N, C-alpha and C. Protein backbone atom coordinates (compact mmCIF):
# COMPACT_ATOMS: atom_id res chain seq x y z
N MET A 1 2.47 -3.53 -7.95
CA MET A 1 3.35 -3.34 -6.84
C MET A 1 4.52 -2.47 -7.40
N ASN A 2 4.99 -1.49 -6.64
CA ASN A 2 6.02 -0.57 -7.20
C ASN A 2 7.41 -1.30 -7.12
N LYS A 3 8.40 -0.76 -7.78
CA LYS A 3 9.65 -1.40 -7.96
C LYS A 3 10.41 -1.37 -6.68
N SER A 4 10.28 -0.49 -5.87
CA SER A 4 10.87 -0.47 -4.56
C SER A 4 10.48 -1.60 -3.65
N ALA A 5 9.14 -1.95 -3.68
CA ALA A 5 8.65 -3.04 -3.03
C ALA A 5 9.17 -4.44 -3.49
N ILE A 6 9.25 -4.38 -4.86
CA ILE A 6 9.89 -5.74 -5.56
C ILE A 6 11.32 -5.87 -5.11
N LEU A 7 12.08 -4.76 -5.04
CA LEU A 7 13.49 -4.71 -4.70
C LEU A 7 13.58 -5.00 -3.32
N PHE A 8 12.62 -4.72 -2.36
CA PHE A 8 12.73 -5.14 -1.00
C PHE A 8 12.52 -6.64 -0.86
N ILE A 9 11.54 -7.32 -1.63
CA ILE A 9 11.37 -8.59 -1.59
C ILE A 9 12.59 -9.43 -2.10
N LEU A 10 13.17 -8.86 -3.21
CA LEU A 10 14.26 -9.51 -3.74
C LEU A 10 15.57 -9.49 -2.64
N SER A 11 15.72 -8.39 -2.13
CA SER A 11 16.68 -8.23 -1.09
C SER A 11 16.55 -9.20 0.12
N ALA A 12 15.12 -9.29 0.50
CA ALA A 12 14.85 -10.28 1.61
C ALA A 12 15.24 -11.65 1.18
N ALA A 13 14.87 -11.98 -0.06
CA ALA A 13 15.16 -13.48 -0.63
C ALA A 13 16.54 -13.73 -0.67
N VAL A 14 17.60 -12.80 -1.09
CA VAL A 14 18.93 -13.09 -1.27
C VAL A 14 19.47 -13.04 0.15
N GLY A 15 18.96 -11.99 0.90
CA GLY A 15 19.55 -11.85 2.37
C GLY A 15 19.33 -13.19 3.10
N VAL A 16 18.22 -13.56 3.02
CA VAL A 16 17.83 -14.87 3.76
C VAL A 16 18.75 -16.18 3.32
N ALA A 17 18.67 -16.24 1.99
CA ALA A 17 19.41 -17.30 1.36
C ALA A 17 20.89 -17.20 1.92
N MET A 18 21.44 -16.24 1.79
CA MET A 18 22.94 -15.98 2.35
C MET A 18 23.00 -16.18 3.70
N MET A 19 21.95 -15.78 4.50
CA MET A 19 22.05 -15.80 5.99
C MET A 19 21.94 -17.32 6.18
N GLY A 20 21.13 -17.99 5.58
CA GLY A 20 20.93 -19.41 5.91
C GLY A 20 22.31 -20.22 5.61
N LEU A 21 22.94 -19.75 4.49
CA LEU A 21 24.37 -20.31 4.24
C LEU A 21 25.29 -19.92 5.22
N GLY A 22 25.32 -18.60 5.74
CA GLY A 22 26.08 -18.28 6.73
C GLY A 22 25.89 -18.96 8.10
N ILE A 23 24.64 -19.25 8.38
CA ILE A 23 24.46 -19.88 9.64
C ILE A 23 25.15 -21.24 9.71
N ILE A 24 25.18 -21.90 8.63
CA ILE A 24 25.82 -23.32 8.74
C ILE A 24 27.16 -23.15 8.37
N TRP A 25 27.82 -22.24 7.80
CA TRP A 25 29.20 -22.07 7.30
C TRP A 25 30.14 -22.40 8.40
N PRO A 26 30.08 -21.91 9.61
CA PRO A 26 31.03 -22.30 10.57
C PRO A 26 30.91 -23.82 11.35
N LEU A 27 29.61 -24.22 10.90
CA LEU A 27 29.38 -25.44 11.57
C LEU A 27 29.69 -26.65 10.69
N ILE A 28 29.66 -26.49 9.20
CA ILE A 28 29.98 -27.55 8.53
C ILE A 28 31.30 -28.22 8.64
N PRO A 29 32.39 -27.58 8.84
CA PRO A 29 33.66 -28.40 9.19
C PRO A 29 33.57 -29.09 10.53
N ILE A 30 33.05 -28.61 11.40
CA ILE A 30 32.73 -29.25 12.74
C ILE A 30 32.06 -30.47 12.49
N TYR A 31 30.92 -30.38 11.96
CA TYR A 31 30.04 -31.47 11.62
C TYR A 31 30.56 -32.48 10.83
N ALA A 32 31.42 -32.16 9.86
CA ALA A 32 32.16 -33.05 8.94
C ALA A 32 33.22 -33.81 9.96
N VAL A 33 33.74 -33.25 10.60
CA VAL A 33 34.89 -33.92 11.45
C VAL A 33 34.14 -34.81 12.46
N GLU A 34 33.01 -34.42 12.97
CA GLU A 34 32.27 -35.36 13.88
C GLU A 34 31.82 -36.52 13.24
N LEU A 35 31.62 -36.42 11.94
CA LEU A 35 31.10 -37.62 11.05
C LEU A 35 32.22 -38.32 10.47
N GLY A 36 33.61 -38.05 10.91
CA GLY A 36 34.73 -38.83 10.61
C GLY A 36 35.47 -38.32 9.53
N ALA A 37 35.37 -37.05 8.96
CA ALA A 37 36.03 -36.57 8.00
C ALA A 37 37.35 -36.08 8.24
N GLY A 38 38.34 -36.31 7.31
CA GLY A 38 39.73 -35.84 7.56
C GLY A 38 39.87 -34.43 6.92
N GLY A 39 41.11 -33.87 6.90
CA GLY A 39 41.24 -32.58 6.34
C GLY A 39 40.71 -32.43 4.89
N PHE A 40 41.17 -33.36 3.85
CA PHE A 40 40.85 -33.33 2.58
C PHE A 40 39.21 -33.37 2.38
N LEU A 41 38.60 -34.34 3.06
CA LEU A 41 37.28 -34.47 2.92
C LEU A 41 36.47 -33.19 3.46
N VAL A 42 36.93 -32.67 4.53
CA VAL A 42 36.38 -31.46 5.15
C VAL A 42 36.37 -30.30 4.02
N GLY A 43 37.51 -30.23 3.39
CA GLY A 43 37.87 -29.22 2.34
C GLY A 43 36.87 -29.42 1.20
N LEU A 44 36.67 -30.66 0.81
CA LEU A 44 35.78 -31.14 -0.43
C LEU A 44 34.30 -30.76 -0.05
N ILE A 45 33.99 -31.16 1.22
CA ILE A 45 32.53 -30.79 1.64
C ILE A 45 32.22 -29.34 1.49
N VAL A 46 33.16 -28.61 2.00
CA VAL A 46 32.96 -26.92 2.07
C VAL A 46 33.00 -26.51 0.65
N ALA A 47 33.93 -27.10 -0.24
CA ALA A 47 34.02 -26.52 -1.70
C ALA A 47 33.00 -27.04 -2.47
N SER A 48 32.21 -28.16 -2.09
CA SER A 48 31.34 -28.78 -3.07
C SER A 48 30.20 -27.68 -3.30
N PHE A 49 29.74 -26.88 -2.47
CA PHE A 49 28.81 -25.87 -2.64
C PHE A 49 29.13 -24.98 -3.89
N ASN A 50 30.29 -24.52 -3.73
CA ASN A 50 30.80 -23.68 -4.95
C ASN A 50 31.16 -24.30 -6.18
N ILE A 51 31.66 -25.58 -6.16
CA ILE A 51 31.91 -26.46 -7.30
C ILE A 51 30.59 -26.60 -8.13
N SER A 52 29.45 -26.86 -7.46
CA SER A 52 28.11 -26.93 -8.21
C SER A 52 27.68 -25.76 -8.80
N ARG A 53 27.97 -24.55 -8.04
CA ARG A 53 27.71 -23.18 -8.46
C ARG A 53 28.34 -22.95 -9.89
N THR A 54 29.68 -23.23 -9.74
CA THR A 54 30.66 -22.88 -10.90
C THR A 54 30.16 -23.67 -12.16
N ILE A 55 29.81 -24.87 -11.91
CA ILE A 55 29.56 -25.66 -13.13
C ILE A 55 28.17 -25.23 -13.62
N LEU A 56 27.13 -24.92 -12.83
CA LEU A 56 25.90 -24.79 -13.25
C LEU A 56 25.42 -23.25 -13.46
N SER A 57 26.40 -22.36 -13.23
CA SER A 57 25.99 -20.98 -13.22
C SER A 57 25.64 -20.46 -14.60
N PRO A 58 26.31 -20.97 -15.81
CA PRO A 58 25.92 -20.43 -16.93
C PRO A 58 24.45 -20.86 -17.33
N PHE A 59 23.95 -21.93 -16.74
CA PHE A 59 22.56 -22.39 -17.08
C PHE A 59 21.48 -21.85 -16.34
N SER A 60 21.68 -21.52 -15.17
CA SER A 60 20.46 -20.98 -14.35
C SER A 60 19.92 -19.63 -14.80
N GLY A 61 20.88 -18.67 -15.30
CA GLY A 61 20.32 -17.39 -15.73
C GLY A 61 19.61 -17.70 -17.08
N GLN A 62 20.24 -18.56 -17.97
CA GLN A 62 19.69 -18.70 -19.19
C GLN A 62 18.28 -19.22 -19.12
N ILE A 63 18.11 -20.28 -18.33
CA ILE A 63 16.89 -20.93 -18.13
C ILE A 63 15.78 -20.02 -17.44
N SER A 64 16.24 -19.25 -16.56
CA SER A 64 15.33 -18.36 -15.91
C SER A 64 14.77 -17.27 -16.75
N ASP A 65 15.64 -16.97 -17.80
CA ASP A 65 15.14 -16.00 -18.88
C ASP A 65 13.95 -16.48 -19.78
N ARG A 66 13.95 -17.95 -19.73
CA ARG A 66 12.85 -18.46 -20.57
C ARG A 66 11.70 -18.89 -19.65
N TRP A 67 12.07 -19.46 -18.40
CA TRP A 67 10.91 -19.92 -17.75
C TRP A 67 10.33 -18.88 -16.54
N GLY A 68 10.85 -17.83 -16.30
CA GLY A 68 10.47 -16.86 -15.50
C GLY A 68 11.16 -16.76 -14.10
N ARG A 69 11.52 -15.67 -13.56
CA ARG A 69 12.28 -15.54 -12.50
C ARG A 69 11.69 -15.72 -11.14
N LYS A 70 10.42 -15.39 -10.99
CA LYS A 70 9.66 -15.62 -9.72
C LYS A 70 9.68 -17.17 -9.35
N ARG A 71 9.48 -18.05 -10.37
CA ARG A 71 9.48 -19.35 -10.13
C ARG A 71 10.71 -20.00 -9.67
N PHE A 72 11.74 -19.46 -10.32
CA PHE A 72 13.25 -19.90 -9.83
C PHE A 72 13.59 -19.48 -8.41
N ILE A 73 13.24 -18.32 -8.14
CA ILE A 73 13.65 -17.78 -6.70
C ILE A 73 12.74 -18.54 -5.72
N ALA A 74 11.41 -18.64 -5.78
CA ALA A 74 10.59 -19.28 -4.94
C ALA A 74 10.99 -20.90 -4.74
N SER A 75 11.33 -21.37 -5.93
CA SER A 75 11.85 -22.81 -5.85
C SER A 75 13.12 -23.07 -5.09
N GLY A 76 14.04 -22.11 -5.35
CA GLY A 76 15.37 -22.15 -4.84
C GLY A 76 15.30 -22.08 -3.30
N LEU A 77 14.43 -21.08 -2.80
CA LEU A 77 14.24 -21.04 -1.30
C LEU A 77 13.52 -22.25 -0.84
N PHE A 78 12.58 -22.75 -1.49
CA PHE A 78 11.76 -23.99 -0.92
C PHE A 78 12.78 -25.17 -0.94
N ILE A 79 13.73 -25.25 -1.97
CA ILE A 79 14.75 -26.37 -1.90
C ILE A 79 15.66 -26.20 -0.71
N TYR A 80 15.95 -24.98 -0.48
CA TYR A 80 16.84 -24.62 0.75
C TYR A 80 16.22 -25.22 1.96
N ALA A 81 14.88 -24.84 2.04
CA ALA A 81 14.10 -25.35 3.18
C ALA A 81 14.07 -26.70 3.37
N LEU A 82 13.87 -27.49 2.18
CA LEU A 82 14.01 -29.07 2.27
C LEU A 82 15.33 -29.59 2.58
N LEU A 83 16.34 -29.00 2.06
CA LEU A 83 17.78 -29.49 2.40
C LEU A 83 18.12 -29.32 3.76
N SER A 84 17.43 -28.36 4.49
CA SER A 84 17.88 -28.25 5.88
C SER A 84 17.56 -29.61 6.51
N VAL A 85 16.56 -30.09 6.13
CA VAL A 85 16.26 -31.50 6.88
C VAL A 85 17.21 -32.51 6.51
N PHE A 86 17.72 -32.53 5.26
CA PHE A 86 18.77 -33.56 4.92
C PHE A 86 20.02 -33.41 5.60
N TYR A 87 20.33 -32.04 6.01
CA TYR A 87 21.60 -31.76 6.71
C TYR A 87 21.81 -32.58 7.92
N VAL A 88 20.65 -32.90 8.60
CA VAL A 88 20.78 -33.59 9.87
C VAL A 88 20.69 -35.06 9.75
N LEU A 89 20.48 -35.54 8.65
CA LEU A 89 20.34 -37.08 8.46
C LEU A 89 21.69 -37.84 8.21
N PRO A 90 22.65 -37.26 7.64
CA PRO A 90 23.89 -38.14 7.40
C PRO A 90 24.50 -38.92 8.38
N GLU A 91 24.86 -40.16 8.01
CA GLU A 91 25.65 -40.92 8.97
C GLU A 91 27.10 -41.11 8.60
N ASN A 92 27.45 -40.46 7.62
CA ASN A 92 28.92 -40.33 7.30
C ASN A 92 29.09 -38.97 6.47
N ALA A 93 30.45 -38.67 6.51
CA ALA A 93 30.77 -37.37 5.91
C ALA A 93 30.65 -37.26 4.47
N GLU A 94 30.86 -38.39 3.81
CA GLU A 94 30.60 -38.28 2.33
C GLU A 94 29.29 -37.74 1.81
N THR A 95 28.24 -38.28 2.64
CA THR A 95 26.90 -37.81 2.10
C THR A 95 26.71 -36.23 2.24
N LEU A 96 27.52 -35.54 2.99
CA LEU A 96 27.46 -34.24 3.12
C LEU A 96 27.86 -33.42 1.69
N ILE A 97 28.75 -34.23 0.92
CA ILE A 97 29.08 -33.62 -0.21
C ILE A 97 28.08 -33.50 -1.14
N LEU A 98 27.18 -34.48 -1.25
CA LEU A 98 25.98 -34.46 -2.18
C LEU A 98 25.00 -33.45 -1.66
N ILE A 99 24.80 -33.31 -0.32
CA ILE A 99 23.93 -32.27 0.20
C ILE A 99 24.34 -30.89 -0.13
N ARG A 100 25.72 -30.70 0.14
CA ARG A 100 26.38 -29.46 -0.27
C ARG A 100 26.23 -29.05 -1.93
N LEU A 101 26.32 -30.05 -2.68
CA LEU A 101 26.21 -29.81 -4.07
C LEU A 101 24.80 -29.39 -4.45
N PHE A 102 23.74 -30.05 -3.85
CA PHE A 102 22.44 -29.65 -4.04
C PHE A 102 22.15 -28.27 -3.37
N HIS A 103 22.76 -28.04 -2.39
CA HIS A 103 22.49 -26.65 -1.76
C HIS A 103 23.15 -25.55 -2.65
N GLY A 104 24.29 -25.86 -3.25
CA GLY A 104 24.86 -24.87 -4.09
C GLY A 104 24.04 -24.74 -5.34
N MET A 105 23.37 -25.74 -5.79
CA MET A 105 22.39 -25.61 -7.12
C MET A 105 21.14 -24.72 -6.67
N ALA A 106 20.65 -25.00 -5.41
CA ALA A 106 19.49 -24.15 -5.01
C ALA A 106 19.73 -22.76 -4.93
N SER A 107 21.04 -22.48 -4.35
CA SER A 107 21.57 -21.03 -4.37
C SER A 107 21.41 -20.34 -5.71
N LEU A 108 21.80 -21.10 -6.67
CA LEU A 108 21.72 -20.59 -8.12
C LEU A 108 20.38 -20.18 -8.56
N LEU A 109 19.35 -20.78 -8.00
CA LEU A 109 18.05 -20.36 -8.24
C LEU A 109 17.60 -19.21 -7.60
N VAL A 110 18.39 -18.65 -6.60
CA VAL A 110 17.86 -17.59 -5.93
C VAL A 110 18.83 -16.20 -6.25
N VAL A 111 20.04 -16.20 -5.88
CA VAL A 111 20.84 -15.03 -5.87
C VAL A 111 20.97 -14.53 -7.23
N PRO A 112 21.65 -15.25 -8.22
CA PRO A 112 21.79 -14.61 -9.65
C PRO A 112 20.29 -14.25 -10.34
N VAL A 113 19.35 -15.09 -10.03
CA VAL A 113 18.05 -14.88 -10.73
C VAL A 113 17.48 -13.63 -10.17
N ALA A 114 17.50 -13.32 -8.70
CA ALA A 114 17.03 -12.28 -8.20
C ALA A 114 17.78 -10.95 -8.65
N MET A 115 19.16 -11.18 -8.92
CA MET A 115 19.88 -9.96 -9.59
C MET A 115 19.40 -9.69 -10.97
N ALA A 116 19.17 -10.79 -11.68
CA ALA A 116 18.71 -10.57 -12.99
C ALA A 116 17.34 -9.71 -13.05
N LEU A 117 16.47 -10.22 -12.07
CA LEU A 117 14.97 -9.66 -11.99
C LEU A 117 15.17 -8.20 -11.57
N ALA A 118 16.04 -7.91 -10.77
CA ALA A 118 16.51 -6.43 -10.32
C ALA A 118 16.94 -5.81 -11.52
N ALA A 119 17.74 -6.31 -12.26
CA ALA A 119 18.18 -5.57 -13.50
C ALA A 119 17.06 -5.37 -14.51
N ASP A 120 16.02 -6.29 -14.49
CA ASP A 120 14.96 -6.20 -15.30
C ASP A 120 14.13 -5.02 -14.87
N ILE A 121 14.04 -4.71 -13.74
CA ILE A 121 12.90 -3.76 -13.21
C ILE A 121 13.63 -2.50 -12.93
N ALA A 122 14.84 -2.45 -12.91
CA ALA A 122 15.77 -1.25 -12.52
C ALA A 122 15.32 0.04 -13.45
N PRO A 123 14.97 1.17 -12.83
CA PRO A 123 14.73 2.34 -13.75
C PRO A 123 16.13 2.77 -14.38
N PRO A 124 15.91 3.53 -15.52
CA PRO A 124 17.20 3.93 -16.08
C PRO A 124 17.96 4.73 -15.13
N ARG A 125 19.25 4.46 -15.22
CA ARG A 125 20.21 5.07 -14.45
C ARG A 125 20.24 4.75 -13.04
N LYS A 126 19.57 3.69 -12.53
CA LYS A 126 19.40 3.18 -11.22
C LYS A 126 19.86 1.85 -11.10
N LEU A 127 20.52 1.18 -12.22
CA LEU A 127 20.87 -0.24 -12.05
C LEU A 127 21.98 -0.38 -10.96
N GLY A 128 22.91 0.59 -10.81
CA GLY A 128 23.80 0.32 -9.77
C GLY A 128 23.25 0.39 -8.39
N VAL A 129 22.26 1.20 -8.15
CA VAL A 129 21.59 1.37 -6.91
C VAL A 129 20.83 0.02 -6.55
N TYR A 130 20.33 -0.61 -7.49
CA TYR A 130 19.66 -1.84 -7.27
C TYR A 130 20.54 -3.07 -7.09
N MET A 131 21.58 -2.88 -7.88
CA MET A 131 22.60 -3.97 -7.57
C MET A 131 23.32 -3.95 -6.20
N GLY A 132 23.52 -2.48 -5.97
CA GLY A 132 24.25 -2.27 -4.63
C GLY A 132 23.36 -2.77 -3.48
N THR A 133 22.06 -2.66 -3.65
CA THR A 133 21.09 -2.82 -2.59
C THR A 133 20.98 -4.39 -2.25
N LEU A 134 21.03 -5.15 -3.48
CA LEU A 134 21.08 -6.65 -3.36
C LEU A 134 22.40 -6.97 -2.79
N ASN A 135 23.54 -6.38 -3.13
CA ASN A 135 24.76 -6.83 -2.64
C ASN A 135 24.81 -6.61 -1.19
N MET A 136 24.27 -5.45 -0.79
CA MET A 136 24.23 -5.19 0.70
C MET A 136 23.50 -6.30 1.46
N ALA A 137 22.27 -6.71 0.82
CA ALA A 137 21.54 -7.85 1.45
C ALA A 137 22.28 -9.20 1.53
N ILE A 138 23.09 -9.33 0.43
CA ILE A 138 23.90 -10.56 0.63
C ILE A 138 25.05 -10.48 1.76
N MET A 139 25.81 -9.20 1.80
CA MET A 139 26.68 -8.99 2.92
C MET A 139 26.16 -9.20 4.33
N ILE A 140 24.79 -8.50 4.35
CA ILE A 140 24.13 -8.64 5.78
C ILE A 140 23.93 -10.11 6.05
N GLY A 141 23.32 -10.88 5.21
CA GLY A 141 23.18 -12.17 5.36
C GLY A 141 24.31 -12.96 5.76
N LEU A 142 25.43 -12.77 4.94
CA LEU A 142 26.76 -13.61 5.22
C LEU A 142 27.37 -12.96 6.47
N GLY A 143 27.31 -11.71 6.81
CA GLY A 143 27.65 -11.32 8.09
C GLY A 143 27.08 -11.66 9.32
N PHE A 144 25.70 -11.76 9.40
CA PHE A 144 24.97 -12.05 10.48
C PHE A 144 24.96 -13.62 10.72
N GLY A 145 24.90 -14.38 9.60
CA GLY A 145 24.67 -15.69 9.57
C GLY A 145 25.58 -16.61 10.43
N PRO A 146 26.90 -16.29 10.25
CA PRO A 146 27.84 -17.09 11.14
C PRO A 146 27.78 -16.97 12.57
N VAL A 147 27.41 -15.67 12.86
CA VAL A 147 27.17 -15.31 14.32
C VAL A 147 26.06 -15.99 14.81
N MET A 148 25.02 -15.92 13.97
CA MET A 148 23.65 -16.61 14.44
C MET A 148 23.82 -18.14 14.40
N GLY A 149 24.72 -18.78 13.46
CA GLY A 149 24.72 -20.15 13.61
C GLY A 149 25.67 -20.60 14.89
N GLY A 150 26.65 -19.83 15.29
CA GLY A 150 27.40 -20.12 16.52
C GLY A 150 26.41 -20.08 17.67
N THR A 151 25.70 -18.86 17.70
CA THR A 151 24.83 -18.70 18.80
C THR A 151 23.69 -19.80 18.88
N ILE A 152 23.22 -20.11 17.90
CA ILE A 152 22.11 -21.18 17.79
C ILE A 152 22.68 -22.50 18.27
N ARG A 153 23.79 -22.91 17.77
CA ARG A 153 24.47 -24.08 18.34
C ARG A 153 24.65 -24.08 19.75
N ASP A 154 25.19 -23.09 20.14
CA ASP A 154 25.35 -23.04 21.74
C ASP A 154 24.25 -23.06 22.59
N THR A 155 23.26 -22.45 22.06
CA THR A 155 21.99 -22.39 22.88
C THR A 155 21.01 -23.45 22.57
N LEU A 156 20.82 -23.82 21.45
CA LEU A 156 19.74 -24.47 21.03
C LEU A 156 20.10 -25.99 20.45
N GLY A 157 21.36 -26.09 20.12
CA GLY A 157 21.92 -27.47 19.65
C GLY A 157 22.26 -27.23 18.25
N PHE A 158 23.11 -28.28 17.74
CA PHE A 158 23.51 -28.34 16.50
C PHE A 158 22.48 -28.42 15.42
N ASN A 159 21.62 -29.34 15.59
CA ASN A 159 20.58 -29.57 14.55
C ASN A 159 19.62 -28.30 14.35
N ALA A 160 19.51 -27.58 15.42
CA ALA A 160 18.51 -26.34 15.42
C ALA A 160 19.03 -25.38 14.35
N ALA A 161 20.36 -25.29 14.17
CA ALA A 161 20.82 -24.40 13.22
C ALA A 161 20.40 -24.66 11.74
N PHE A 162 20.29 -25.83 11.38
CA PHE A 162 19.90 -26.34 10.09
C PHE A 162 18.37 -26.04 9.96
N TYR A 163 17.63 -26.49 11.11
CA TYR A 163 16.10 -26.12 10.99
C TYR A 163 15.94 -24.77 10.98
N ILE A 164 16.55 -23.78 11.71
CA ILE A 164 16.28 -22.41 11.54
C ILE A 164 16.55 -21.86 10.22
N MET A 165 17.77 -22.45 9.62
CA MET A 165 18.01 -22.01 8.14
C MET A 165 16.95 -22.38 7.11
N GLY A 166 16.27 -23.65 7.43
CA GLY A 166 15.15 -24.11 6.60
C GLY A 166 13.90 -23.44 6.89
N GLY A 167 13.59 -22.95 8.06
CA GLY A 167 12.42 -22.14 8.45
C GLY A 167 12.45 -20.75 7.87
N LEU A 168 13.56 -20.16 7.95
CA LEU A 168 13.74 -18.88 7.29
C LEU A 168 13.59 -18.98 5.75
N ALA A 169 14.06 -19.94 5.28
CA ALA A 169 14.06 -20.16 3.63
C ALA A 169 12.60 -20.34 3.36
N LEU A 170 11.88 -21.15 4.05
CA LEU A 170 10.40 -21.44 3.78
C LEU A 170 9.50 -20.27 3.86
N ILE A 171 9.66 -19.49 4.92
CA ILE A 171 9.02 -18.34 5.12
C ILE A 171 9.17 -17.39 3.86
N THR A 172 10.43 -17.15 3.66
CA THR A 172 10.84 -16.29 2.54
C THR A 172 10.30 -16.73 1.26
N SER A 173 10.32 -18.13 0.97
CA SER A 173 9.61 -18.65 -0.25
C SER A 173 8.25 -18.23 -0.30
N LEU A 174 7.51 -18.40 0.78
CA LEU A 174 6.14 -18.15 0.64
C LEU A 174 6.00 -16.58 0.52
N ILE A 175 6.82 -15.74 0.99
CA ILE A 175 6.65 -14.42 0.79
C ILE A 175 6.79 -14.06 -0.76
N VAL A 176 7.78 -14.74 -1.28
CA VAL A 176 7.92 -14.45 -2.62
C VAL A 176 6.75 -15.06 -3.68
N VAL A 177 6.26 -16.25 -3.12
CA VAL A 177 5.11 -16.77 -3.95
C VAL A 177 4.03 -15.67 -3.87
N VAL A 178 3.61 -15.18 -2.68
CA VAL A 178 2.44 -14.40 -2.50
C VAL A 178 2.49 -13.02 -2.88
N PHE A 179 3.76 -12.25 -2.70
CA PHE A 179 3.92 -10.99 -2.91
C PHE A 179 4.60 -10.57 -4.07
N LEU A 180 5.46 -11.31 -4.61
CA LEU A 180 6.31 -10.99 -5.81
C LEU A 180 5.45 -11.17 -7.04
N PRO A 181 5.35 -10.05 -7.74
CA PRO A 181 4.42 -10.09 -9.08
C PRO A 181 4.77 -11.16 -9.88
N ALA A 182 3.92 -11.58 -10.79
CA ALA A 182 4.15 -12.64 -11.86
C ALA A 182 5.28 -12.09 -12.79
N ASP A 183 6.12 -12.82 -13.23
CA ASP A 183 7.11 -12.57 -14.28
C ASP A 183 6.40 -12.37 -15.58
N LYS A 184 6.59 -10.98 -16.06
CA LYS A 184 5.68 -10.68 -17.17
C LYS A 184 6.10 -11.34 -18.66
N ALA A 185 7.53 -11.57 -18.63
CA ALA A 185 8.06 -12.08 -19.73
C ALA A 185 7.70 -13.64 -19.85
N HIS A 186 7.51 -14.26 -18.57
CA HIS A 186 7.09 -15.62 -18.72
C HIS A 186 5.65 -15.72 -19.02
N LEU A 187 4.84 -14.80 -18.47
CA LEU A 187 3.48 -14.85 -18.98
C LEU A 187 3.29 -14.63 -20.49
N GLY A 188 4.03 -13.76 -20.94
CA GLY A 188 3.96 -13.57 -22.39
C GLY A 188 4.41 -14.80 -23.18
N ASP A 189 5.48 -15.62 -22.69
CA ASP A 189 5.84 -16.83 -23.39
C ASP A 189 4.55 -17.76 -23.42
N ILE A 190 3.96 -17.87 -22.04
CA ILE A 190 2.82 -18.80 -21.99
C ILE A 190 1.78 -18.33 -23.12
N LYS A 191 1.47 -17.21 -23.15
CA LYS A 191 0.26 -16.86 -24.17
C LYS A 191 0.81 -17.03 -25.44
N ARG A 192 2.01 -16.77 -25.95
CA ARG A 192 2.49 -16.95 -27.29
C ARG A 192 2.45 -18.50 -27.54
N ALA A 193 2.67 -19.30 -26.44
CA ALA A 193 2.71 -20.86 -26.72
C ALA A 193 1.31 -21.40 -27.06
N LYS A 194 0.15 -20.73 -26.37
CA LYS A 194 -1.01 -21.10 -26.61
C LYS A 194 -1.56 -20.51 -27.92
């Protein structure tokens, strides 16, 4: 597979991950209030996504360097899909904190690892183009996601937004598994271990 095709798949992965996040972004505070949260708890629920990312960021890249990037990206998107179901289950606002913490962890398996893989495959003097392309995918996802989330809520209902986020993540996870080439560094580690 050529590098442009890999970059396209990586862009789709990060774009969908951020679109899924964007779909539920405007809904989380409303959902939290409906579950009985006050101002502080709403803020904590929203912030918990980034709290887990902040704490765990140094480790995701380091581990993906050893275990392989494809596995991390596909797993992160699959966990996104799984978490979409958990979003509709809470009976109290506090439970959303835990779900958001795990959602933040899952996002660490996708976006920074996809950026690392793009850096791995970028031709000389094209690293900026590759990073810019991924950043564009992130911004498209974050830009369209909230509009989609509001539209989905108004037309299909609150829970549909979470299910659509999960469906998009699951489809993209399967695309990564099927079409993204195996991580050569990871395969080399396996051969050396044998």
